[in-house]
Amino acid sequence: MSAMERDRAVVLGRVVQEGLPLRDADDLKVSESSGNVLQDLGAREAEERLAKAELARVIRR
């Protein structure tokens, strides 16, 4: 099983487990991350926001 297939199975499992409406499996789209989830979601100023989040994580330790 490839990593993408495993991730898709995890998503499907969560949908079922949490009682969310289950769409056709073909409707689910899994794509590889760029490494910046904010950028992947289309957030403005994603690089700056990621840097701030990483800084906050380090400070919180």
PDB file of N, CA and C in Angstrom:
ATOM      1  N   MET A   1       0.853  -1.178   0.000  1.00  0.00           N
ATOM      2  CA  MET A   1       0.000   0.000   0.000  1.00  0.00           C
ATOM      3  C   MET A   1       0.895   1.236   0.000  1.00  0.00           C
ATOM      4  N   SER A   2       0.634   2.134  -0.914  1.00  0.00           N
ATOM      5  CA  SER A   2       1.432   3.358  -0.987  1.00  0.00           C
ATOM      6  C   SER A   2       1.035   4.308   0.150  1.00  0.00           C
ATOM      7  N   ALA A   3       1.853   5.318   0.361  1.00  0.00           N
ATOM      8  CA  ALA A   3       1.569   6.304   1.414  1.00  0.00           C
ATOM      9  C   ALA A   3       0.255   7.031   1.131  1.00  0.00           C
ATOM     10  N   MET A   4       0.004   7.346  -0.131  1.00  0.00           N
ATOM     11  CA  MET A   4      -1.241   8.048  -0.468  1.00  0.00           C
ATOM     12  C   MET A   4      -2.452   7.151  -0.233  1.00  0.00           C
ATOM     13  N   GLU A   5      -2.327   5.881  -0.556  1.00  0.00           N
ATOM     14  CA  GLU A   5      -3.429   4.944  -0.317  1.00  0.00           C
ATOM     15  C   GLU A   5      -3.679   4.788   1.180  1.00  0.00           C
ATOM     16  N   ARG A   6      -2.596   4.754   1.960  1.00  0.00           N
ATOM     17  CA  ARG A   6      -2.729   4.640   3.415  1.00  0.00           C
ATOM     18  C   ARG A   6      -3.403   5.885   3.986  1.00  0.00           C
ATOM     19  N   ASP A   7      -2.991   7.059   3.506  1.00  0.00           N
ATOM     20  CA  ASP A   7      -3.602   8.308   3.973  1.00  0.00           C
ATOM     21  C   ASP A   7      -5.083   8.356   3.620  1.00  0.00           C
ATOM     22  N   ARG A   8      -5.422   7.893   2.435  1.00  0.00           N
ATOM     23  CA  ARG A   8      -6.824   7.877   2.018  1.00  0.00           C
ATOM     24  C   ARG A   8      -7.636   6.952   2.918  1.00  0.00           C
ATOM     25  N   ALA A   9      -7.046   5.805   3.278  1.00  0.00           N
ATOM     26  CA  ALA A   9      -7.725   4.871   4.178  1.00  0.00           C
ATOM     27  C   ALA A   9      -7.920   5.502   5.552  1.00  0.00           C
ATOM     28  N   VAL A  10      -6.943   6.251   6.022  1.00  0.00           N
ATOM     29  CA  VAL A  10      -7.056   6.928   7.316  1.00  0.00           C
ATOM     30  C   VAL A  10      -8.189   7.945   7.275  1.00  0.00           C
ATOM     31  N   VAL A  11      -8.260   8.711   6.196  1.00  0.00           N
ATOM     32  CA  VAL A  11      -9.327   9.709   6.057  1.00  0.00           C
ATOM     33  C   VAL A  11     -10.682   9.021   6.053  1.00  0.00           C
ATOM     34  N   LEU A  12     -10.817   7.965   5.263  1.00  0.00           N
ATOM     35  CA  LEU A  12     -12.085   7.237   5.214  1.00  0.00           C
ATOM     36  C   LEU A  12     -12.446   6.684   6.589  1.00  0.00           C
ATOM     37  N   GLY A  13     -11.469   6.138   7.303  1.00  0.00           N
ATOM     38  CA  GLY A  13     -11.708   5.602   8.640  1.00  0.00           C
ATOM     39  C   GLY A  13     -12.191   6.665   9.599  1.00  0.00           C
ATOM     40  N   ARG A  14     -11.603   7.841   9.532  1.00  0.00           N
ATOM     41  CA  ARG A  14     -12.014   8.933  10.421  1.00  0.00           C
ATOM     42  C   ARG A  14     -13.424   9.394  10.107  1.00  0.00           C
ATOM     43  N   VAL A  15     -13.746   9.473   8.836  1.00  0.00           N
ATOM     44  CA  VAL A  15     -15.088   9.903   8.441  1.00  0.00           C
ATOM     45  C   VAL A  15     -16.115   8.949   9.029  1.00  0.00           C
ATOM     46  N   VAL A  16     -15.870   7.659   8.895  1.00  0.00           N
ATOM     47  CA  VAL A  16     -16.803   6.663   9.405  1.00  0.00           C
ATOM     48  C   VAL A  16     -16.825   6.697  10.934  1.00  0.00           C
ATOM     49  N   GLN A  17     -15.651   6.746  11.549  1.00  0.00           N
ATOM     50  CA  GLN A  17     -15.547   6.704  13.007  1.00  0.00           C
ATOM     51  C   GLN A  17     -16.227   7.908  13.657  1.00  0.00           C
ATOM     52  N   GLU A  18     -16.100   9.067  13.060  1.00  0.00           N
ATOM     53  CA  GLU A  18     -16.662  10.279  13.647  1.00  0.00           C
ATOM     54  C   GLU A  18     -18.106  10.519  13.226  1.00  0.00           C
ATOM     55  N   GLY A  19     -18.657   9.595  12.441  1.00  0.00           N
ATOM     56  CA  GLY A  19     -20.055   9.702  12.047  1.00  0.00           C
ATOM     57  C   GLY A  19     -20.336  10.809  11.065  1.00  0.00           C
ATOM     58  N   LEU A  20     -19.334  11.237  10.329  1.00  0.00           N
ATOM     59  CA  LEU A  20     -19.540  12.272   9.327  1.00  0.00           C
ATOM     60  C   LEU A  20     -20.179  11.653   8.093  1.00  0.00           C
ATOM     61  N   PRO A  21     -20.874  12.447   7.321  1.00  0.00           N
ATOM     62  CA  PRO A  21     -21.487  11.887   6.116  1.00  0.00           C
ATOM     63  C   PRO A  21     -20.407  11.324   5.200  1.00  0.00           C
ATOM     64  N   LEU A  22     -20.606  10.131   4.732  1.00  0.00           N
ATOM     65  CA  LEU A  22     -19.618   9.471   3.880  1.00  0.00           C
ATOM     66  C   LEU A  22     -19.975   9.702   2.425  1.00  0.00           C
ATOM     67  N   ARG A  23     -19.101  10.350   1.740  1.00  0.00           N
ATOM     68  CA  ARG A  23     -19.276  10.552   0.300  1.00  0.00           C
ATOM     69  C   ARG A  23     -18.663   9.363  -0.417  1.00  0.00           C
ATOM     70  N   ASP A  24     -18.870   9.299  -1.696  1.00  0.00           N
ATOM     71  CA  ASP A  24     -18.207   8.270  -2.479  1.00  0.00           C
ATOM     72  C   ASP A  24     -16.705   8.378  -2.279  1.00  0.00           C
ATOM     73  N   ALA A  25     -16.043   7.256  -2.169  1.00  0.00           N
ATOM     74  CA  ALA A  25     -14.593   7.243  -2.001  1.00  0.00           C
ATOM     75  C   ALA A  25     -13.922   7.967  -3.169  1.00  0.00           C
ATOM     76  N   ASP A  26     -14.552   7.927  -4.335  1.00  0.00           N
ATOM     77  CA  ASP A  26     -13.985   8.594  -5.503  1.00  0.00           C
ATOM     78  C   ASP A  26     -14.006  10.103  -5.363  1.00  0.00           C
ATOM     79  N   ASP A  27     -14.860  10.632  -4.472  1.00  0.00           N
ATOM     80  CA  ASP A  27     -14.930  12.078  -4.259  1.00  0.00           C
ATOM     81  C   ASP A  27     -13.770  12.589  -3.416  1.00  0.00           C
ATOM     82  N   LEU A  28     -13.129  11.693  -2.673  1.00  0.00           N
ATOM     83  CA  LEU A  28     -12.023  12.108  -1.818  1.00  0.00           C
ATOM     84  C   LEU A  28     -10.780  12.349  -2.655  1.00  0.00           C
ATOM     85  N   LYS A  29     -10.122  13.455  -2.390  1.00  0.00           N
ATOM     86  CA  LYS A  29      -8.920  13.787  -3.129  1.00  0.00           C
ATOM     87  C   LYS A  29      -7.774  13.896  -2.133  1.00  0.00           C
ATOM     88  N   VAL A  30      -6.753  13.121  -2.346  1.00  0.00           N
ATOM     89  CA  VAL A  30      -5.569  13.158  -1.492  1.00  0.00           C
ATOM     90  C   VAL A  30      -4.414  13.622  -2.353  1.00  0.00           C
ATOM     91  N   SER A  31      -3.705  14.617  -1.877  1.00  0.00           N
ATOM     92  CA  SER A  31      -2.547  15.103  -2.628  1.00  0.00           C
ATOM     93  C   SER A  31      -1.371  15.254  -1.682  1.00  0.00           C
ATOM     94  N   GLU A  32      -0.197  15.221  -2.252  1.00  0.00           N
ATOM     95  CA  GLU A  32       1.031  15.316  -1.468  1.00  0.00           C
ATOM     96  C   GLU A  32       1.192  16.740  -0.943  1.00  0.00           C
ATOM     97  N   SER A  33       1.647  16.862   0.279  1.00  0.00           N
ATOM     98  CA  SER A  33       1.827  18.161   0.915  1.00  0.00           C
ATOM     99  C   SER A  33       3.089  18.842   0.409  1.00  0.00           C
ATOM    100  N   SER A  34       3.040  20.152   0.399  1.00  0.00           N
ATOM    101  CA  SER A  34       4.224  20.935   0.046  1.00  0.00           C
ATOM    102  C   SER A  34       5.162  21.047   1.244  1.00  0.00           C
ATOM    103  N   GLY A  35       4.674  20.625   2.429  1.00  0.00           N
ATOM    104  CA  GLY A  35       5.441  20.794   3.657  1.00  0.00           C
ATOM    105  C   GLY A  35       4.935  21.977   4.478  1.00  0.00           C
ATOM    106  N   ASN A  36       4.052  22.767   3.884  1.00  0.00           N
ATOM    107  CA  ASN A  36       3.464  23.910   4.567  1.00  0.00           C
ATOM    108  C   ASN A  36       1.948  23.787   4.409  1.00  0.00           C
ATOM    109  N   VAL A  37       1.302  23.307   5.456  1.00  0.00           N
ATOM    110  CA  VAL A  37      -0.145  23.072   5.378  1.00  0.00           C
ATOM    111  C   VAL A  37      -0.907  24.358   5.102  1.00  0.00           C
ATOM    112  N   LEU A  38      -0.404  25.473   5.581  1.00  0.00           N
ATOM    113  CA  LEU A  38      -1.075  26.752   5.336  1.00  0.00           C
ATOM    114  C   LEU A  38      -1.046  27.098   3.846  1.00  0.00           C
ATOM    115  N   GLN A  39       0.076  26.834   3.214  1.00  0.00           N
ATOM    116  CA  GLN A  39       0.189  27.063   1.778  1.00  0.00           C
ATOM    117  C   GLN A  39      -0.731  26.106   1.022  1.00  0.00           C
ATOM    118  N   ASP A  40      -0.765  24.857   1.459  1.00  0.00           N
ATOM    119  CA  ASP A  40      -1.622  23.859   0.813  1.00  0.00           C
ATOM    120  C   ASP A  40      -3.092  24.257   0.877  1.00  0.00           C
ATOM    121  N   LEU A  41      -3.485  24.928   1.958  1.00  0.00           N
ATOM    122  CA  LEU A  41      -4.869  25.353   2.126  1.00  0.00           C
ATOM    123  C   LEU A  41      -5.153  26.699   1.478  1.00  0.00           C
ATOM    124  N   GLY A  42      -4.123  27.321   0.902  1.00  0.00           N
ATOM    125  CA  GLY A  42      -4.313  28.578   0.187  1.00  0.00           C
ATOM    126  C   GLY A  42      -4.336  29.806   1.074  1.00  0.00           C
ATOM    127  N   ALA A  43      -3.769  29.699   2.274  1.00  0.00           N
ATOM    128  CA  ALA A  43      -3.757  30.841   3.193  1.00  0.00           C
ATOM    129  C   ALA A  43      -2.838  31.946   2.659  1.00  0.00           C
ATOM    130  N   ARG A  44      -3.251  33.174   2.898  1.00  0.00           N
ATOM    131  CA  ARG A  44      -2.400  34.315   2.531  1.00  0.00           C
ATOM    132  C   ARG A  44      -1.192  34.331   3.449  1.00  0.00           C
ATOM    133  N   GLU A  45      -0.075  34.790   2.946  1.00  0.00           N
ATOM    134  CA  GLU A  45       1.163  34.925   3.725  1.00  0.00           C
ATOM    135  C   GLU A  45       1.508  33.625   4.449  1.00  0.00           C
ATOM    136  N   ALA A  46       1.380  32.519   3.740  1.00  0.00           N
ATOM    137  CA  ALA A  46       1.567  31.194   4.334  1.00  0.00           C
ATOM    138  C   ALA A  46       2.963  31.006   4.929  1.00  0.00           C
ATOM    139  N   GLU A  47       3.981  31.474   4.241  1.00  0.00           N
ATOM    140  CA  GLU A  47       5.352  31.302   4.740  1.00  0.00           C
ATOM    141  C   GLU A  47       5.541  32.028   6.069  1.00  0.00           C
ATOM    142  N   GLU A  48       5.041  33.256   6.151  1.00  0.00           N
ATOM    143  CA  GLU A  48       5.163  34.038   7.384  1.00  0.00           C
ATOM    144  C   GLU A  48       4.369  33.392   8.521  1.00  0.00           C
ATOM    145  N   ARG A  49       3.179  32.929   8.227  1.00  0.00           N
ATOM    146  CA  ARG A  49       2.352  32.286   9.244  1.00  0.00           C
ATOM    147  C   ARG A  49       2.995  31.007   9.754  1.00  0.00           C
ATOM    148  N   LEU A  50       3.600  30.228   8.846  1.00  0.00           N
ATOM    149  CA  LEU A  50       4.280  29.010   9.258  1.00  0.00           C
ATOM    150  C   LEU A  50       5.461  29.344  10.155  1.00  0.00           C
ATOM    151  N   ALA A  51       6.218  30.353   9.802  1.00  0.00           N
ATOM    152  CA  ALA A  51       7.366  30.763  10.617  1.00  0.00           C
ATOM    153  C   ALA A  51       6.910  31.173  12.018  1.00  0.00           C
ATOM    154  N   LYS A  52       5.816  31.905  12.104  1.00  0.00           N
ATOM    155  CA  LYS A  52       5.290  32.318  13.409  1.00  0.00           C
ATOM    156  C   LYS A  52       4.825  31.114  14.223  1.00  0.00           C
ATOM    157  N   ALA A  53       4.173  30.172  13.563  1.00  0.00           N
ATOM    158  CA  ALA A  53       3.707  28.968  14.262  1.00  0.00           C
ATOM    159  C   ALA A  53       4.877  28.143  14.775  1.00  0.00           C
ATOM    160  N   GLU A  54       5.919  28.028  13.976  1.00  0.00           N
ATOM    161  CA  GLU A  54       7.106  27.275  14.404  1.00  0.00           C
ATOM    162  C   GLU A  54       7.796  27.980  15.566  1.00  0.00           C
ATOM    163  N   LEU A  55       7.879  29.296  15.523  1.00  0.00           N
ATOM    164  CA  LEU A  55       8.477  30.062  16.616  1.00  0.00           C
ATOM    165  C   LEU A  55       7.673  29.873  17.901  1.00  0.00           C
ATOM    166  N   ALA A  56       6.361  29.934  17.802  1.00  0.00           N
ATOM    167  CA  ALA A  56       5.500  29.735  18.973  1.00  0.00           C
ATOM    168  C   ALA A  56       5.689  28.344  19.552  1.00  0.00           C
ATOM    169  N   ARG A  57       5.845  27.343  18.683  1.00  0.00           N
ATOM    170  CA  ARG A  57       6.060  25.962  19.155  1.00  0.00           C
ATOM    171  C   ARG A  57       7.358  25.861  19.937  1.00  0.00           C
ATOM    172  N   VAL A  58       8.403  26.495  19.437  1.00  0.00           N
ATOM    173  CA  VAL A  58       9.711  26.451  20.108  1.00  0.00           C
ATOM    174  C   VAL A  58       9.643  27.172  21.445  1.00  0.00           C
ATOM    175  N   ILE A  59       8.999  28.327  21.477  1.00  0.00           N
ATOM    176  CA  ILE A  59       8.882  29.105  22.724  1.00  0.00           C
ATOM    177  C   ILE A  59       8.091  28.344  23.771  1.00  0.00           C
ATOM    178  N   ARG A  60       7.069  27.642  23.331  1.00  0.00           N
ATOM    179  CA  ARG A  60       6.171  26.927  24.254  1.00  0.00           C
ATOM    180  C   ARG A  60       6.858  25.767  24.958  1.00  0.00           C
ATOM    181  N   ARG A  61       7.889  25.210  24.392  1.00  0.00           N
ATOM    182  CA  ARG A  61       8.583  24.064  24.984  1.00  0.00           C
ATOM    183  C   ARG A  61       9.110  24.343  26.344  1.00  0.00           C
TER     184      ARG A  61
END
